[in-house]
Amino acid sequence: MMTGLRLLPWTTPDGKPCYLDQDTAHPGVLSLLADSVEASQLGSAEQVLAGSRAVLQDPAAGERAVRFALTRAAESLEDVLRIAVSRGQRIGEGDPDTGADTDTDTDAGAGAEVRYGLP
């Protein structure tokens, strides 16, 4: 992973990661969209977790219900892990001496470039 690239919360149609080249400190439309998608994915994961727990606590739940809950939970886990990796990489871009962010805003600006696949 190259410094300055943000891992986006979605992939290409063939499953490759997408990156946003963060070239300014001003948030651009794509960066704000990524923030919104992350928030939506985290909210969905909370709902999936609650639903999965309900299925697991129901002794009458059949195989279809358990499979459905597990499939949704796996999808949500994939989303949450991608968000965690992305945020962890951005935290690591701080000042190497102090570990603190050198810039208060890590989002990309209007001139940001999206990269597909490995950087």
PDB file of N, CA and C in Angstrom:
ATOM      1  N   MET A   1       0.850  -1.192   0.000  1.00  0.00           N
ATOM      2  CA  MET A   1       0.000   0.000   0.000  1.00  0.00           C
ATOM      3  C   MET A   1       0.881   1.236   0.000  1.00  0.00           C
ATOM      4  N   MET A   2       0.661   2.113  -0.948  1.00  0.00           N
ATOM      5  CA  MET A   2       1.420   3.350  -1.039  1.00  0.00           C
ATOM      6  C   MET A   2       0.830   4.395  -0.105  1.00  0.00           C
ATOM      7  N   THR A   3       1.684   5.231   0.459  1.00  0.00           N
ATOM      8  CA  THR A   3       1.238   6.293   1.341  1.00  0.00           C
ATOM      9  C   THR A   3       0.352   7.260   0.575  1.00  0.00           C
ATOM     10  N   GLY A   4      -0.704   7.727   1.213  1.00  0.00           N
ATOM     11  CA  GLY A   4      -1.579   8.712   0.609  1.00  0.00           C
ATOM     12  C   GLY A   4      -2.759   8.120  -0.129  1.00  0.00           C
ATOM     13  N   LEU A   5      -2.801   6.814  -0.323  1.00  0.00           N
ATOM     14  CA  LEU A   5      -3.936   6.193  -0.996  1.00  0.00           C
ATOM     15  C   LEU A   5      -4.919   5.686   0.048  1.00  0.00           C
ATOM     16  N   ARG A   6      -6.187   6.002  -0.154  1.00  0.00           N
ATOM     17  CA  ARG A   6      -7.239   5.538   0.747  1.00  0.00           C
ATOM     18  C   ARG A   6      -7.912   4.326   0.125  1.00  0.00           C
ATOM     19  N   LEU A   7      -7.981   3.241   0.878  1.00  0.00           N
ATOM     20  CA  LEU A   7      -8.727   2.063   0.456  1.00  0.00           C
ATOM     21  C   LEU A   7     -10.210   2.401   0.547  1.00  0.00           C
ATOM     22  N   LEU A   8     -10.906   2.293  -0.566  1.00  0.00           N
ATOM     23  CA  LEU A   8     -12.328   2.645  -0.599  1.00  0.00           C
ATOM     24  C   LEU A   8     -13.183   1.467  -0.126  1.00  0.00           C
ATOM     25  N   PRO A   9     -14.392   1.739   0.348  1.00  0.00           N
ATOM     26  CA  PRO A   9     -15.236   0.679   0.912  1.00  0.00           C
ATOM     27  C   PRO A   9     -15.994  -0.134  -0.142  1.00  0.00           C
ATOM     28  N   TRP A  10     -15.482  -0.202  -1.337  1.00  0.00           N
ATOM     29  CA  TRP A  10     -16.078  -1.027  -2.390  1.00  0.00           C
ATOM     30  C   TRP A  10     -14.958  -1.586  -3.260  1.00  0.00           C
ATOM     31  N   THR A  11     -15.321  -2.544  -4.094  1.00  0.00           N
ATOM     32  CA  THR A  11     -14.353  -3.166  -4.989  1.00  0.00           C
ATOM     33  C   THR A  11     -14.824  -3.022  -6.431  1.00  0.00           C
ATOM     34  N   THR A  12     -13.940  -3.396  -7.346  1.00  0.00           N
ATOM     35  CA  THR A  12     -14.313  -3.429  -8.761  1.00  0.00           C
ATOM     36  C   THR A  12     -15.273  -4.598  -8.972  1.00  0.00           C
ATOM     37  N   PRO A  13     -15.938  -4.679 -10.122  1.00  0.00           N
ATOM     38  CA  PRO A  13     -16.840  -5.805 -10.371  1.00  0.00           C
ATOM     39  C   PRO A  13     -16.151  -7.173 -10.252  1.00  0.00           C
ATOM     40  N   ASP A  14     -14.847  -7.227 -10.502  1.00  0.00           N
ATOM     41  CA  ASP A  14     -14.146  -8.510 -10.386  1.00  0.00           C
ATOM     42  C   ASP A  14     -13.467  -8.683  -9.021  1.00  0.00           C
ATOM     43  N   GLY A  15     -13.830  -7.845  -8.037  1.00  0.00           N
ATOM     44  CA  GLY A  15     -13.375  -8.033  -6.667  1.00  0.00           C
ATOM     45  C   GLY A  15     -12.054  -7.387  -6.289  1.00  0.00           C
ATOM     46  N   LYS A  16     -11.473  -6.588  -7.163  1.00  0.00           N
ATOM     47  CA  LYS A  16     -10.204  -5.928  -6.835  1.00  0.00           C
ATOM     48  C   LYS A  16     -10.463  -4.672  -6.003  1.00  0.00           C
ATOM     49  N   PRO A  17      -9.534  -4.343  -5.093  1.00  0.00           N
ATOM     50  CA  PRO A  17      -9.731  -3.147  -4.259  1.00  0.00           C
ATOM     51  C   PRO A  17      -9.640  -1.867  -5.079  1.00  0.00           C
ATOM     52  N   CYS A  18     -10.319  -0.843  -4.613  1.00  0.00           N
ATOM     53  CA  CYS A  18     -10.263   0.487  -5.218  1.00  0.00           C
ATOM     54  C   CYS A  18      -9.595   1.428  -4.226  1.00  0.00           C
ATOM     55  N   TYR A  19      -8.779   2.330  -4.748  1.00  0.00           N
ATOM     56  CA  TYR A  19      -8.060   3.301  -3.924  1.00  0.00           C
ATOM     57  C   TYR A  19      -8.338   4.705  -4.424  1.00  0.00           C
ATOM     58  N   LEU A  20      -8.286   5.649  -3.500  1.00  0.00           N
ATOM     59  CA  LEU A  20      -8.449   7.058  -3.825  1.00  0.00           C
ATOM     60  C   LEU A  20      -7.135   7.753  -3.521  1.00  0.00           C
ATOM     61  N   ASP A  21      -6.580   8.436  -4.508  1.00  0.00           N
ATOM     62  CA  ASP A  21      -5.338   9.180  -4.322  1.00  0.00           C
ATOM     63  C   ASP A  21      -5.677  10.485  -3.627  1.00  0.00           C
ATOM     64  N   GLN A  22      -5.239  10.603  -2.383  1.00  0.00           N
ATOM     65  CA  GLN A  22      -5.546  11.770  -1.562  1.00  0.00           C
ATOM     66  C   GLN A  22      -4.490  12.836  -1.786  1.00  0.00           C
ATOM     67  N   ASP A  23      -4.737  13.744  -2.725  1.00  0.00           N
ATOM     68  CA  ASP A  23      -3.709  14.726  -3.064  1.00  0.00           C
ATOM     69  C   ASP A  23      -3.897  16.091  -2.412  1.00  0.00           C
ATOM     70  N   THR A  24      -4.973  16.307  -1.675  1.00  0.00           N
ATOM     71  CA  THR A  24      -5.160  17.573  -0.962  1.00  0.00           C
ATOM     72  C   THR A  24      -5.800  17.313   0.389  1.00  0.00           C
ATOM     73  N   ALA A  25      -5.868  18.333   1.208  1.00  0.00           N
ATOM     74  CA  ALA A  25      -6.471  18.202   2.538  1.00  0.00           C
ATOM     75  C   ALA A  25      -7.958  18.540   2.540  1.00  0.00           C
ATOM     76  N   HIS A  26      -8.531  18.877   1.389  1.00  0.00           N
ATOM     77  CA  HIS A  26      -9.936  19.257   1.319  1.00  0.00           C
ATOM     78  C   HIS A  26     -10.763  18.074   0.833  1.00  0.00           C
ATOM     79  N   PRO A  27     -11.827  17.725   1.574  1.00  0.00           N
ATOM     80  CA  PRO A  27     -12.613  16.556   1.174  1.00  0.00           C
ATOM     81  C   PRO A  27     -13.323  16.778  -0.162  1.00  0.00           C
ATOM     82  N   GLY A  28     -13.207  15.810  -1.032  1.00  0.00           N
ATOM     83  CA  GLY A  28     -13.879  15.858  -2.324  1.00  0.00           C
ATOM     84  C   GLY A  28     -15.139  15.015  -2.298  1.00  0.00           C
ATOM     85  N   VAL A  29     -15.883  15.056  -3.386  1.00  0.00           N
ATOM     86  CA  VAL A  29     -17.154  14.347  -3.486  1.00  0.00           C
ATOM     87  C   VAL A  29     -16.958  12.841  -3.293  1.00  0.00           C
ATOM     88  N   LEU A  30     -15.951  12.266  -3.908  1.00  0.00           N
ATOM     89  CA  LEU A  30     -15.732  10.830  -3.806  1.00  0.00           C
ATOM     90  C   LEU A  30     -15.340  10.422  -2.383  1.00  0.00           C
ATOM     91  N   SER A  31     -14.556  11.245  -1.731  1.00  0.00           N
ATOM     92  CA  SER A  31     -14.171  10.970  -0.348  1.00  0.00           C
ATOM     93  C   SER A  31     -15.394  11.028   0.571  1.00  0.00           C
ATOM     94  N   LEU A  32     -16.248  12.012   0.356  1.00  0.00           N
ATOM     95  CA  LEU A  32     -17.470  12.121   1.161  1.00  0.00           C
ATOM     96  C   LEU A  32     -18.419  10.954   0.886  1.00  0.00           C
ATOM     97  N   LEU A  33     -18.479  10.509  -0.365  1.00  0.00           N
ATOM     98  CA  LEU A  33     -19.286   9.343  -0.715  1.00  0.00           C
ATOM     99  C   LEU A  33     -18.753   8.103   0.006  1.00  0.00           C
ATOM    100  N   ALA A  34     -17.434   7.943   0.020  1.00  0.00           N
ATOM    101  CA  ALA A  34     -16.827   6.802   0.707  1.00  0.00           C
ATOM    102  C   ALA A  34     -17.155   6.840   2.199  1.00  0.00           C
ATOM    103  N   ASP A  35     -17.102   8.020   2.802  1.00  0.00           N
ATOM    104  CA  ASP A  35     -17.464   8.161   4.222  1.00  0.00           C
ATOM    105  C   ASP A  35     -18.910   7.727   4.449  1.00  0.00           C
ATOM    106  N   SER A  36     -19.795   8.147   3.556  1.00  0.00           N
ATOM    107  CA  SER A  36     -21.209   7.808   3.669  1.00  0.00           C
ATOM    108  C   SER A  36     -21.432   6.302   3.500  1.00  0.00           C
ATOM    109  N   VAL A  37     -20.750   5.694   2.544  1.00  0.00           N
ATOM    110  CA  VAL A  37     -20.875   4.248   2.324  1.00  0.00           C
ATOM    111  C   VAL A  37     -20.370   3.491   3.546  1.00  0.00           C
ATOM    112  N   GLU A  38     -19.240   3.928   4.114  1.00  0.00           N
ATOM    113  CA  GLU A  38     -18.716   3.287   5.327  1.00  0.00           C
ATOM    114  C   GLU A  38     -19.726   3.359   6.462  1.00  0.00           C
ATOM    115  N   ALA A  39     -20.328   4.519   6.667  1.00  0.00           N
ATOM    116  CA  ALA A  39     -21.316   4.677   7.733  1.00  0.00           C
ATOM    117  C   ALA A  39     -22.509   3.751   7.501  1.00  0.00           C
ATOM    118  N   SER A  40     -22.946   3.650   6.264  1.00  0.00           N
ATOM    119  CA  SER A  40     -24.063   2.773   5.919  1.00  0.00           C
ATOM    120  C   SER A  40     -23.697   1.306   6.161  1.00  0.00           C
ATOM    121  N   GLN A  41     -22.478   0.921   5.764  1.00  0.00           N
ATOM    122  CA  GLN A  41     -22.036  -0.462   5.956  1.00  0.00           C
ATOM    123  C   GLN A  41     -21.949  -0.810   7.444  1.00  0.00           C
ATOM    124  N   LEU A  42     -21.464   0.117   8.256  1.00  0.00           N
ATOM    125  CA  LEU A  42     -21.366  -0.133   9.692  1.00  0.00           C
ATOM    126  C   LEU A  42     -22.764  -0.260  10.317  1.00  0.00           C
ATOM    127  N   GLY A  43     -23.689   0.589   9.890  1.00  0.00           N
ATOM    128  CA  GLY A  43     -25.064   0.498  10.385  1.00  0.00           C
ATOM    129  C   GLY A  43     -25.717  -0.815   9.981  1.00  0.00           C
ATOM    130  N   SER A  44     -25.491  -1.218   8.747  1.00  0.00           N
ATOM    131  CA  SER A  44     -26.030  -2.489   8.262  1.00  0.00           C
ATOM    132  C   SER A  44     -25.437  -3.659   9.041  1.00  0.00           C
ATOM    133  N   ALA A  45     -24.144  -3.590   9.340  1.00  0.00           N
ATOM    134  CA  ALA A  45     -23.489  -4.662  10.098  1.00  0.00           C
ATOM    135  C   ALA A  45     -24.112  -4.812  11.484  1.00  0.00           C
ATOM    136  N   GLU A  46     -24.482  -3.697  12.112  1.00  0.00           N
ATOM    137  CA  GLU A  46     -25.144  -3.763  13.420  1.00  0.00           C
ATOM    138  C   GLU A  46     -26.481  -4.491  13.307  1.00  0.00           C
ATOM    139  N   GLN A  47     -27.233  -4.199  12.251  1.00  0.00           N
ATOM    140  CA  GLN A  47     -28.521  -4.855  12.051  1.00  0.00           C
ATOM    141  C   GLN A  47     -28.344  -6.341  11.751  1.00  0.00           C
ATOM    142  N   VAL A  48     -27.349  -6.664  10.935  1.00  0.00           N
ATOM    143  CA  VAL A  48     -27.075  -8.064  10.609  1.00  0.00           C
ATOM    144  C   VAL A  48     -26.676  -8.833  11.865  1.00  0.00           C
ATOM    145  N   LEU A  49     -25.855  -8.221  12.709  1.00  0.00           N
ATOM    146  CA  LEU A  49     -25.444  -8.867  13.954  1.00  0.00           C
ATOM    147  C   LEU A  49     -26.661  -9.161  14.836  1.00  0.00           C
ATOM    148  N   ALA A  50     -27.534  -8.186  14.974  1.00  0.00           N
ATOM    149  CA  ALA A  50     -28.736  -8.386  15.793  1.00  0.00           C
ATOM    150  C   ALA A  50     -29.611  -9.503  15.213  1.00  0.00           C
ATOM    151  N   GLY A  51     -29.784  -9.499  13.902  1.00  0.00           N
ATOM    152  CA  GLY A  51     -30.589 -10.539  13.259  1.00  0.00           C
ATOM    153  C   GLY A  51     -29.955 -11.915  13.371  1.00  0.00           C
ATOM    154  N   SER A  52     -28.655 -11.973  13.240  1.00  0.00           N
ATOM    155  CA  SER A  52     -27.941 -13.256  13.355  1.00  0.00           C
ATOM    156  C   SER A  52     -28.055 -13.815  14.764  1.00  0.00           C
ATOM    157  N   ARG A  53     -27.910 -12.943  15.748  1.00  0.00           N
ATOM    158  CA  ARG A  53     -28.057 -13.392  17.134  1.00  0.00           C
ATOM    159  C   ARG A  53     -29.457 -13.937  17.392  1.00  0.00           C
ATOM    160  N   ALA A  54     -30.468 -13.271  16.836  1.00  0.00           N
ATOM    161  CA  ALA A  54     -31.847 -13.722  17.013  1.00  0.00           C
ATOM    162  C   ALA A  54     -32.045 -15.107  16.396  1.00  0.00           C
ATOM    163  N   VAL A  55     -31.486 -15.322  15.219  1.00  0.00           N
ATOM    164  CA  VAL A  55     -31.605 -16.635  14.568  1.00  0.00           C
ATOM    165  C   VAL A  55     -30.902 -17.697  15.399  1.00  0.00           C
ATOM    166  N   LEU A  56     -29.711 -17.390  15.894  1.00  0.00           N
ATOM    167  CA  LEU A  56     -28.949 -18.366  16.671  1.00  0.00           C
ATOM    168  C   LEU A  56     -29.624 -18.703  18.009  1.00  0.00           C
ATOM    169  N   GLN A  57     -30.374 -17.749  18.552  1.00  0.00           N
ATOM    170  CA  GLN A  57     -31.057 -17.987  19.828  1.00  0.00           C
ATOM    171  C   GLN A  57     -32.383 -18.726  19.641  1.00  0.00           C
ATOM    172  N   ASP A  58     -32.839 -18.841  18.411  1.00  0.00           N
ATOM    173  CA  ASP A  58     -34.124 -19.501  18.131  1.00  0.00           C
ATOM    174  C   ASP A  58     -33.884 -20.985  17.855  1.00  0.00           C
ATOM    175  N   PRO A  59     -34.273 -21.858  18.791  1.00  0.00           N
ATOM    176  CA  PRO A  59     -34.037 -23.294  18.573  1.00  0.00           C
ATOM    177  C   PRO A  59     -34.846 -23.855  17.408  1.00  0.00           C
ATOM    178  N   ALA A  60     -35.876 -23.154  16.981  1.00  0.00           N
ATOM    179  CA  ALA A  60     -36.694 -23.626  15.862  1.00  0.00           C
ATOM    180  C   ALA A  60     -36.182 -23.125  14.515  1.00  0.00           C
ATOM    181  N   ALA A  61     -35.128 -22.310  14.516  1.00  0.00           N
ATOM    182  CA  ALA A  61     -34.598 -21.776  13.250  1.00  0.00           C
ATOM    183  C   ALA A  61     -34.087 -22.928  12.392  1.00  0.00           C
ATOM    184  N   GLY A  62     -34.503 -22.921  11.159  1.00  0.00           N
ATOM    185  CA  GLY A  62     -34.099 -23.985  10.247  1.00  0.00           C
ATOM    186  C   GLY A  62     -32.776 -23.688   9.564  1.00  0.00           C
ATOM    187  N   GLU A  63     -32.358 -24.648   8.757  1.00  0.00           N
ATOM    188  CA  GLU A  63     -31.080 -24.519   8.052  1.00  0.00           C
ATOM    189  C   GLU A  63     -31.057 -23.292   7.142  1.00  0.00           C
ATOM    190  N   ARG A  64     -32.149 -23.024   6.456  1.00  0.00           N
ATOM    191  CA  ARG A  64     -32.196 -21.856   5.553  1.00  0.00           C
ATOM    192  C   ARG A  64     -31.970 -20.561   6.317  1.00  0.00           C
ATOM    193  N   ALA A  65     -32.601 -20.428   7.466  1.00  0.00           N
ATOM    194  CA  ALA A  65     -32.452 -19.209   8.269  1.00  0.00           C
ATOM    195  C   ALA A  65     -31.023 -19.049   8.762  1.00  0.00           C
ATOM    196  N   VAL A  66     -30.430 -20.149   9.198  1.00  0.00           N
ATOM    197  CA  VAL A  66     -29.047 -20.096   9.690  1.00  0.00           C
ATOM    198  C   VAL A  66     -28.096 -19.770   8.539  1.00  0.00           C
ATOM    199  N   ARG A  67     -28.301 -20.402   7.384  1.00  0.00           N
ATOM    200  CA  ARG A  67     -27.451 -20.106   6.216  1.00  0.00           C
ATOM    201  C   ARG A  67     -27.572 -18.644   5.800  1.00  0.00           C
ATOM    202  N   PHE A  68     -28.793 -18.136   5.772  1.00  0.00           N
ATOM    203  CA  PHE A  68     -29.015 -16.741   5.403  1.00  0.00           C
ATOM    204  C   PHE A  68     -28.301 -15.809   6.377  1.00  0.00           C
ATOM    205  N   ALA A  69     -28.464 -16.068   7.679  1.00  0.00           N
ATOM    206  CA  ALA A  69     -27.828 -15.227   8.697  1.00  0.00           C
ATOM    207  C   ALA A  69     -26.310 -15.286   8.572  1.00  0.00           C
ATOM    208  N   LEU A  70     -25.770 -16.469   8.351  1.00  0.00           N
ATOM    209  CA  LEU A  70     -24.321 -16.612   8.230  1.00  0.00           C
ATOM    210  C   LEU A  70     -23.801 -15.940   6.963  1.00  0.00           C
ATOM    211  N   THR A  71     -24.527 -16.038   5.880  1.00  0.00           N
ATOM    212  CA  THR A  71     -24.120 -15.382   4.626  1.00  0.00           C
ATOM    213  C   THR A  71     -24.087 -13.871   4.807  1.00  0.00           C
ATOM    214  N   ARG A  72     -25.146 -13.303   5.392  1.00  0.00           N
ATOM    215  CA  ARG A  72     -25.174 -11.857   5.626  1.00  0.00           C
ATOM    216  C   ARG A  72     -24.074 -11.437   6.595  1.00  0.00           C
ATOM    217  N   ALA A  73     -23.828 -12.253   7.634  1.00  0.00           N
ATOM    218  CA  ALA A  73     -22.783 -11.924   8.604  1.00  0.00           C
ATOM    219  C   ALA A  73     -21.407 -11.928   7.940  1.00  0.00           C
ATOM    220  N   ALA A  74     -21.150 -12.884   7.061  1.00  0.00           N
ATOM    221  CA  ALA A  74     -19.864 -12.940   6.351  1.00  0.00           C
ATOM    222  C   ALA A  74     -19.693 -11.715   5.453  1.00  0.00           C
ATOM    223  N   GLU A  75     -20.761 -11.314   4.765  1.00  0.00           N
ATOM    224  CA  GLU A  75     -20.692 -10.114   3.919  1.00  0.00           C
ATOM    225  C   GLU A  75     -20.403  -8.873   4.758  1.00  0.00           C
ATOM    226  N   SER A  76     -21.080  -8.756   5.884  1.00  0.00           N
ATOM    227  CA  SER A  76     -20.866  -7.601   6.759  1.00  0.00           C
ATOM    228  C   SER A  76     -19.468  -7.598   7.343  1.00  0.00           C
ATOM    229  N   LEU A  77     -18.973  -8.763   7.721  1.00  0.00           N
ATOM    230  CA  LEU A  77     -17.618  -8.852   8.263  1.00  0.00           C
ATOM    231  C   LEU A  77     -16.596  -8.406   7.229  1.00  0.00           C
ATOM    232  N   GLU A  78     -16.794  -8.794   5.984  1.00  0.00           N
ATOM    233  CA  GLU A  78     -15.891  -8.360   4.909  1.00  0.00           C
ATOM    234  C   GLU A  78     -15.886  -6.831   4.791  1.00  0.00           C
ATOM    235  N   ASP A  79     -17.063  -6.224   4.834  1.00  0.00           N
ATOM    236  CA  ASP A  79     -17.160  -4.759   4.762  1.00  0.00           C
ATOM    237  C   ASP A  79     -16.466  -4.094   5.944  1.00  0.00           C
ATOM    238  N   VAL A  80     -16.740  -4.598   7.151  1.00  0.00           N
ATOM    239  CA  VAL A  80     -16.174  -4.001   8.362  1.00  0.00           C
ATOM    240  C   VAL A  80     -14.652  -4.146   8.382  1.00  0.00           C
ATOM    241  N   LEU A  81     -14.143  -5.290   7.944  1.00  0.00           N
ATOM    242  CA  LEU A  81     -12.689  -5.469   7.885  1.00  0.00           C
ATOM    243  C   LEU A  81     -12.048  -4.500   6.900  1.00  0.00           C
ATOM    244  N   ARG A  82     -12.694  -4.277   5.749  1.00  0.00           N
ATOM    245  CA  ARG A  82     -12.153  -3.328   4.769  1.00  0.00           C
ATOM    246  C   ARG A  82     -12.114  -1.915   5.359  1.00  0.00           C
ATOM    247  N   ILE A  83     -13.156  -1.548   6.088  1.00  0.00           N
ATOM    248  CA  ILE A  83     -13.193  -0.235   6.743  1.00  0.00           C
ATOM    249  C   ILE A  83     -12.075  -0.135   7.775  1.00  0.00           C
ATOM    250  N   ALA A  84     -11.891  -1.178   8.574  1.00  0.00           N
ATOM    251  CA  ALA A  84     -10.845  -1.165   9.604  1.00  0.00           C
ATOM    252  C   ALA A  84      -9.461  -1.031   8.983  1.00  0.00           C
ATOM    253  N   VAL A  85      -9.205  -1.759   7.913  1.00  0.00           N
ATOM    254  CA  VAL A  85      -7.905  -1.664   7.229  1.00  0.00           C
ATOM    255  C   VAL A  85      -7.702  -0.262   6.682  1.00  0.00           C
ATOM    256  N   SER A  86      -8.727   0.274   6.039  1.00  0.00           N
ATOM    257  CA  SER A  86      -8.630   1.614   5.460  1.00  0.00           C
ATOM    258  C   SER A  86      -8.338   2.657   6.537  1.00  0.00           C
ATOM    259  N   ARG A  87      -9.074   2.594   7.624  1.00  0.00           N
ATOM    260  CA  ARG A  87      -8.881   3.574   8.692  1.00  0.00           C
ATOM    261  C   ARG A  87      -7.536   3.386   9.377  1.00  0.00           C
ATOM    262  N   GLY A  88      -7.122   2.147   9.549  1.00  0.00           N
ATOM    263  CA  GLY A  88      -5.824   1.878  10.149  1.00  0.00           C
ATOM    264  C   GLY A  88      -4.683   2.411   9.301  1.00  0.00           C
ATOM    265  N   GLN A  89      -4.805   2.281   7.989  1.00  0.00           N
ATOM    266  CA  GLN A  89      -3.780   2.812   7.099  1.00  0.00           C
ATOM    267  C   GLN A  89      -3.727   4.328   7.169  1.00  0.00           C
ATOM    268  N   ARG A  90      -4.893   4.958   7.280  1.00  0.00           N
ATOM    269  CA  ARG A  90      -4.912   6.416   7.363  1.00  0.00           C
ATOM    270  C   ARG A  90      -4.371   6.912   8.692  1.00  0.00           C
ATOM    271  N   ILE A  91      -4.606   6.175   9.771  1.00  0.00           N
ATOM    272  CA  ILE A  91      -4.046   6.551  11.071  1.00  0.00           C
ATOM    273  C   ILE A  91      -2.535   6.465  11.000  1.00  0.00           C
ATOM    274  N   GLY A  92      -2.009   5.466  10.312  1.00  0.00           N
ATOM    275  CA  GLY A  92      -0.576   5.257  10.198  1.00  0.00           C
ATOM    276  C   GLY A  92       0.141   6.295   9.367  1.00  0.00           C
ATOM    277  N   GLU A  93      -0.589   7.205   8.737  1.00  0.00           N
ATOM    278  CA  GLU A  93       0.029   8.230   7.896  1.00  0.00           C
ATOM    279  C   GLU A  93       0.408   9.467   8.682  1.00  0.00           C
ATOM    280  N   GLY A  94       0.347   9.398  10.001  1.00  0.00           N
ATOM    281  CA  GLY A  94       0.684  10.554  10.826  1.00  0.00           C
ATOM    282  C   GLY A  94       2.184  10.805  10.848  1.00  0.00           C
ATOM    283  N   ASP A  95       2.588  11.733  11.677  1.00  0.00           N
ATOM    284  CA  ASP A  95       3.991  12.103  11.853  1.00  0.00           C
ATOM    285  C   ASP A  95       4.767  10.891  12.366  1.00  0.00           C
ATOM    286  N   PRO A  96       5.828  10.447  11.652  1.00  0.00           N
ATOM    287  CA  PRO A  96       6.551   9.260  12.062  1.00  0.00           C
ATOM    288  C   PRO A  96       7.217   9.401  13.433  1.00  0.00           C
ATOM    289  N   ASP A  97       7.532  10.629  13.876  1.00  0.00           N
ATOM    290  CA  ASP A  97       8.174  10.821  15.172  1.00  0.00           C
ATOM    291  C   ASP A  97       7.178  10.715  16.327  1.00  0.00           C
ATOM    292  N   THR A  98       5.971  11.242  16.136  1.00  0.00           N
ATOM    293  CA  THR A  98       5.000  11.290  17.227  1.00  0.00           C
ATOM    294  C   THR A  98       3.831  10.340  17.021  1.00  0.00           C
ATOM    295  N   GLY A  99       3.619   9.895  15.777  1.00  0.00           N
ATOM    296  CA  GLY A  99       2.468   9.076  15.470  1.00  0.00           C
ATOM    297  C   GLY A  99       1.210   9.899  15.284  1.00  0.00           C
ATOM    298  N   ALA A 100       1.316  11.211  15.475  1.00  0.00           N
ATOM    299  CA  ALA A 100       0.152  12.082  15.338  1.00  0.00           C
ATOM    300  C   ALA A 100      -0.072  12.437  13.880  1.00  0.00           C
ATOM    301  N   ASP A 101      -1.306  12.740  13.566  1.00  0.00           N
ATOM    302  CA  ASP A 101      -1.622  13.190  12.215  1.00  0.00           C
ATOM    303  C   ASP A 101      -0.906  14.500  11.925  1.00  0.00           C
ATOM    304  N   THR A 102      -0.316  14.603  10.748  1.00  0.00           N
ATOM    305  CA  THR A 102       0.328  15.850  10.361  1.00  0.00           C
ATOM    306  C   THR A 102      -0.676  16.800   9.742  1.00  0.00           C
ATOM    307  N   ASP A 103      -1.853  16.294   9.417  1.00  0.00           N
ATOM    308  CA  ASP A 103      -2.910  17.088   8.823  1.00  0.00           C
ATOM    309  C   ASP A 103      -4.195  16.693   9.533  1.00  0.00           C
ATOM    310  N   THR A 104      -5.056  17.641   9.835  1.00  0.00           N
ATOM    311  CA  THR A 104      -6.272  17.328  10.567  1.00  0.00           C
ATOM    312  C   THR A 104      -7.324  16.682   9.692  1.00  0.00           C
ATOM    313  N   ASP A 105      -7.220  16.768   8.381  1.00  0.00           N
ATOM    314  CA  ASP A 105      -8.215  16.211   7.479  1.00  0.00           C
ATOM    315  C   ASP A 105      -7.517  15.260   6.512  1.00  0.00           C
ATOM    316  N   THR A 106      -7.858  13.963   6.576  1.00  0.00           N
ATOM    317  CA  THR A 106      -7.201  12.978   5.727  1.00  0.00           C
ATOM    318  C   THR A 106      -7.995  12.659   4.471  1.00  0.00           C
ATOM    319  N   ASP A 107      -9.107  13.357   4.244  1.00  0.00           N
ATOM    320  CA  ASP A 107      -9.921  13.066   3.076  1.00  0.00           C
ATOM    321  C   ASP A 107      -9.334  13.686   1.814  1.00  0.00           C
ATOM    322  N   ALA A 108      -9.679  13.089   0.689  1.00  0.00           N
ATOM    323  CA  ALA A 108      -9.166  13.564  -0.597  1.00  0.00           C
ATOM    324  C   ALA A 108      -9.899  14.812  -1.057  1.00  0.00           C
ATOM    325  N   GLY A 109      -9.248  15.576  -1.860  1.00  0.00           N
ATOM    326  CA  GLY A 109      -9.831  16.795  -2.395  1.00  0.00           C
ATOM    327  C   GLY A 109     -10.522  16.569  -3.721  1.00  0.00           C
ATOM    328  N   ALA A 110     -10.991  17.659  -4.306  1.00  0.00           N
ATOM    329  CA  ALA A 110     -11.742  17.594  -5.549  1.00  0.00           C
ATOM    330  C   ALA A 110     -10.919  17.026  -6.692  1.00  0.00           C
ATOM    331  N   GLY A 111      -9.601  17.150  -6.640  1.00  0.00           N
ATOM    332  CA  GLY A 111      -8.750  16.655  -7.706  1.00  0.00           C
ATOM    333  C   GLY A 111      -8.271  15.241  -7.457  1.00  0.00           C
ATOM    334  N   ALA A 112      -8.942  14.496  -6.563  1.00  0.00           N
ATOM    335  CA  ALA A 112      -8.495  13.166  -6.210  1.00  0.00           C
ATOM    336  C   ALA A 112      -8.631  12.202  -7.385  1.00  0.00           C
ATOM    337  N   GLU A 113      -7.768  11.219  -7.388  1.00  0.00           N
ATOM    338  CA  GLU A 113      -7.744  10.218  -8.452  1.00  0.00           C
ATOM    339  C   GLU A 113      -8.080   8.856  -7.843  1.00  0.00           C
ATOM    340  N   VAL A 114      -8.966   8.109  -8.493  1.00  0.00           N
ATOM    341  CA  VAL A 114      -9.307   6.780  -8.038  1.00  0.00           C
ATOM    342  C   VAL A 114      -8.412   5.789  -8.759  1.00  0.00           C
ATOM    343  N   ARG A 115      -7.884   4.825  -8.015  1.00  0.00           N
ATOM    344  CA  ARG A 115      -7.040   3.779  -8.592  1.00  0.00           C
ATOM    345  C   ARG A 115      -7.702   2.439  -8.327  1.00  0.00           C
ATOM    346  N   TYR A 116      -7.680   1.561  -9.319  1.00  0.00           N
ATOM    347  CA  TYR A 116      -8.254   0.243  -9.194  1.00  0.00           C
ATOM    348  C   TYR A 116      -7.149  -0.776  -9.091  1.00  0.00           C
ATOM    349  N   GLY A 117      -7.372  -1.798  -8.295  1.00  0.00           N
ATOM    350  CA  GLY A 117      -6.366  -2.838  -8.141  1.00  0.00           C
ATOM    351  C   GLY A 117      -5.269  -2.388  -7.209  1.00  0.00           C
ATOM    352  N   LEU A 118      -4.178  -3.095  -7.249  1.00  0.00           N
ATOM    353  CA  LEU A 118      -3.060  -2.780  -6.372  1.00  0.00           C
ATOM    354  C   LEU A 118      -2.371  -1.502  -6.832  1.00  0.00           C
ATOM    355  N   PRO A 119      -1.952  -0.669  -5.874  1.00  0.00           N
ATOM    356  CA  PRO A 119      -1.307   0.596  -6.237  1.00  0.00           C
ATOM    357  C   PRO A 119       0.081   0.380  -6.805  1.00  0.00           C
TER     358      PRO A 119
END
